[in-house]
Amino acid sequence: MSDNEFTFNSEKKTEEMHLSDQALGAVMMALQKSLLEQTDIVPVLKNFKLAQSESGDLVVVNPPVFKMNHSDVDVLANATETKE
């Protein structure tokens, strides 16, 4: 067995994979979306469709998207401003 394979049971060998930067970004977007919308992140993560990139890393084919209106942007901007 190679260094990048492991066994779930005695019958099946599975190759080890890693999340790509894109997949990690998709996870972070899912977290941000769930926090902003105050919703459960689990259904979003369970609905991720994953594919293997040419480099062997996992990518998310259907990353989450969310829209913000101008007032949301203003609130976030005001929250990040430091007072002097």
C-alpha atoms as a PDB file:
ATOM      1  CA  MET A   1       0.000   0.000   0.000  1.00  0.00           C
ATOM      2  CA  SER A   2       1.394   3.445  -0.926  1.00  0.00           C
ATOM      3  CA  ASP A   3       1.693   6.402   1.449  1.00  0.00           C
ATOM      4  CA  ASN A   4      -1.392   8.074  -0.021  1.00  0.00           C
ATOM      5  CA  GLU A   5      -3.747   5.102   0.333  1.00  0.00           C
ATOM      6  CA  PHE A   6      -5.604   3.848   3.364  1.00  0.00           C
ATOM      7  CA  THR A   7      -8.189   1.176   4.052  1.00  0.00           C
ATOM      8  CA  PHE A   8     -11.685   1.700   5.461  1.00  0.00           C
ATOM      9  CA  ASN A   9     -12.129  -2.044   5.697  1.00  0.00           C
ATOM     10  CA  SER A  10     -10.233  -5.078   4.519  1.00  0.00           C
ATOM     11  CA  GLU A  11     -11.969  -5.078   1.121  1.00  0.00           C
ATOM     12  CA  LYS A  12     -11.502  -1.584  -0.277  1.00  0.00           C
ATOM     13  CA  LYS A  13      -8.453   0.676  -0.579  1.00  0.00           C
ATOM     14  CA  THR A  14      -9.111   4.396  -0.851  1.00  0.00           C
ATOM     15  CA  GLU A  15      -6.707   7.047  -2.078  1.00  0.00           C
ATOM     16  CA  GLU A  16      -6.045   9.963   0.236  1.00  0.00           C
ATOM     17  CA  MET A  17      -7.170  13.353  -1.108  1.00  0.00           C
ATOM     18  CA  HIS A  18      -6.818  16.950   0.037  1.00  0.00           C
ATOM     19  CA  LEU A  19      -8.995  20.023  -0.295  1.00  0.00           C
ATOM     20  CA  SER A  20      -7.830  22.568  -2.848  1.00  0.00           C
ATOM     21  CA  ASP A  21      -7.632  26.259  -1.988  1.00  0.00           C
ATOM     22  CA  GLN A  22     -10.873  26.644  -3.982  1.00  0.00           C
ATOM     23  CA  ALA A  23     -12.585  23.981  -1.853  1.00  0.00           C
ATOM     24  CA  LEU A  24     -11.388  25.620   1.362  1.00  0.00           C
ATOM     25  CA  GLY A  25     -12.760  28.923   0.050  1.00  0.00           C
ATOM     26  CA  ALA A  26     -16.092  27.224  -0.642  1.00  0.00           C
ATOM     27  CA  VAL A  27     -16.193  25.932   2.950  1.00  0.00           C
ATOM     28  CA  MET A  28     -15.445  29.443   4.235  1.00  0.00           C
ATOM     29  CA  MET A  29     -18.157  30.914   1.982  1.00  0.00           C
ATOM     30  CA  ALA A  30     -20.618  28.357   3.345  1.00  0.00           C
ATOM     31  CA  LEU A  31     -19.682  29.386   6.873  1.00  0.00           C
ATOM     32  CA  GLN A  32     -20.070  33.101   6.094  1.00  0.00           C
ATOM     33  CA  LYS A  33     -23.406  32.474   4.379  1.00  0.00           C
ATOM     34  CA  SER A  34     -24.742  30.463   7.310  1.00  0.00           C
ATOM     35  CA  LEU A  35     -23.625  33.133   9.772  1.00  0.00           C
ATOM     36  CA  LEU A  36     -25.085  36.023   7.777  1.00  0.00           C
ATOM     37  CA  GLU A  37     -28.371  34.236   7.082  1.00  0.00           C
ATOM     38  CA  GLN A  38     -28.429  32.533  10.512  1.00  0.00           C
ATOM     39  CA  THR A  39     -28.991  29.138   8.900  1.00  0.00           C
ATOM     40  CA  ASP A  40     -27.579  25.655   9.393  1.00  0.00           C
ATOM     41  CA  ILE A  41     -24.341  25.021   7.485  1.00  0.00           C
ATOM     42  CA  VAL A  42     -24.779  21.224   7.383  1.00  0.00           C
ATOM     43  CA  PRO A  43     -27.196  21.075   4.406  1.00  0.00           C
ATOM     44  CA  VAL A  44     -24.909  23.335   2.373  1.00  0.00           C
ATOM     45  CA  LEU A  45     -21.874  21.155   3.074  1.00  0.00           C
ATOM     46  CA  LYS A  46     -23.814  17.938   2.386  1.00  0.00           C
ATOM     47  CA  ASN A  47     -24.906  19.298  -1.005  1.00  0.00           C
ATOM     48  CA  PHE A  48     -21.361  20.060  -2.151  1.00  0.00           C
ATOM     49  CA  LYS A  49     -20.536  18.285  -5.406  1.00  0.00           C
ATOM     50  CA  LEU A  50     -16.854  17.391  -5.363  1.00  0.00           C
ATOM     51  CA  ALA A  51     -14.489  16.645  -8.232  1.00  0.00           C
ATOM     52  CA  GLN A  52     -10.815  15.866  -8.459  1.00  0.00           C
ATOM     53  CA  SER A  53      -8.638  18.495 -10.106  1.00  0.00           C
ATOM     54  CA  GLU A  54      -5.792  17.687 -12.473  1.00  0.00           C
ATOM     55  CA  SER A  55      -3.396  18.140  -9.540  1.00  0.00           C
ATOM     56  CA  GLY A  56      -5.331  15.565  -7.511  1.00  0.00           C
ATOM     57  CA  ASP A  57      -6.934  17.956  -5.031  1.00  0.00           C
ATOM     58  CA  LEU A  58     -10.671  18.133  -4.427  1.00  0.00           C
ATOM     59  CA  VAL A  59     -12.630  21.082  -5.804  1.00  0.00           C
ATOM     60  CA  VAL A  60     -16.245  22.085  -5.152  1.00  0.00           C
ATOM     61  CA  VAL A  61     -18.208  22.152  -8.400  1.00  0.00           C
ATOM     62  CA  ASN A  62     -21.141  24.058  -6.876  1.00  0.00           C
ATOM     63  CA  PRO A  63     -19.711  26.532  -4.345  1.00  0.00           C
ATOM     64  CA  PRO A  64     -22.219  28.582  -2.357  1.00  0.00           C
ATOM     65  CA  VAL A  65     -23.098  32.090  -3.440  1.00  0.00           C
ATOM     66  CA  PHE A  66     -24.860  34.848  -1.615  1.00  0.00           C
ATOM     67  CA  LYS A  67     -25.818  38.384  -2.421  1.00  0.00           C
ATOM     68  CA  MET A  68     -25.377  41.460  -0.307  1.00  0.00           C
ATOM     69  CA  ASN A  69     -27.162  44.743  -0.740  1.00  0.00           C
ATOM     70  CA  HIS A  70     -25.590  48.150  -0.184  1.00  0.00           C
ATOM     71  CA  SER A  71     -26.847  48.464   3.381  1.00  0.00           C
ATOM     72  CA  ASP A  72     -25.181  45.142   4.277  1.00  0.00           C
ATOM     73  CA  VAL A  73     -21.895  46.399   2.851  1.00  0.00           C
ATOM     74  CA  ASP A  74     -22.224  49.649   4.813  1.00  0.00           C
ATOM     75  CA  VAL A  75     -22.828  47.742   8.065  1.00  0.00           C
ATOM     76  CA  LEU A  76     -19.779  45.554   7.466  1.00  0.00           C
ATOM     77  CA  ALA A  77     -17.636  48.560   6.536  1.00  0.00           C
ATOM     78  CA  ASN A  78     -18.714  50.457   9.645  1.00  0.00           C
ATOM     79  CA  ALA A  79     -18.002  47.421  11.826  1.00  0.00           C
ATOM     80  CA  THR A  80     -14.433  47.168  10.554  1.00  0.00           C
ATOM     81  CA  GLU A  81     -13.540  50.846  10.876  1.00  0.00           C
ATOM     82  CA  THR A  82     -11.319  51.673  13.830  1.00  0.00           C
ATOM     83  CA  LYS A  83     -12.032  54.683  15.983  1.00  0.00           C
ATOM     84  CA  GLU A  84      -9.143  57.055  16.584  1.00  0.00           C
END
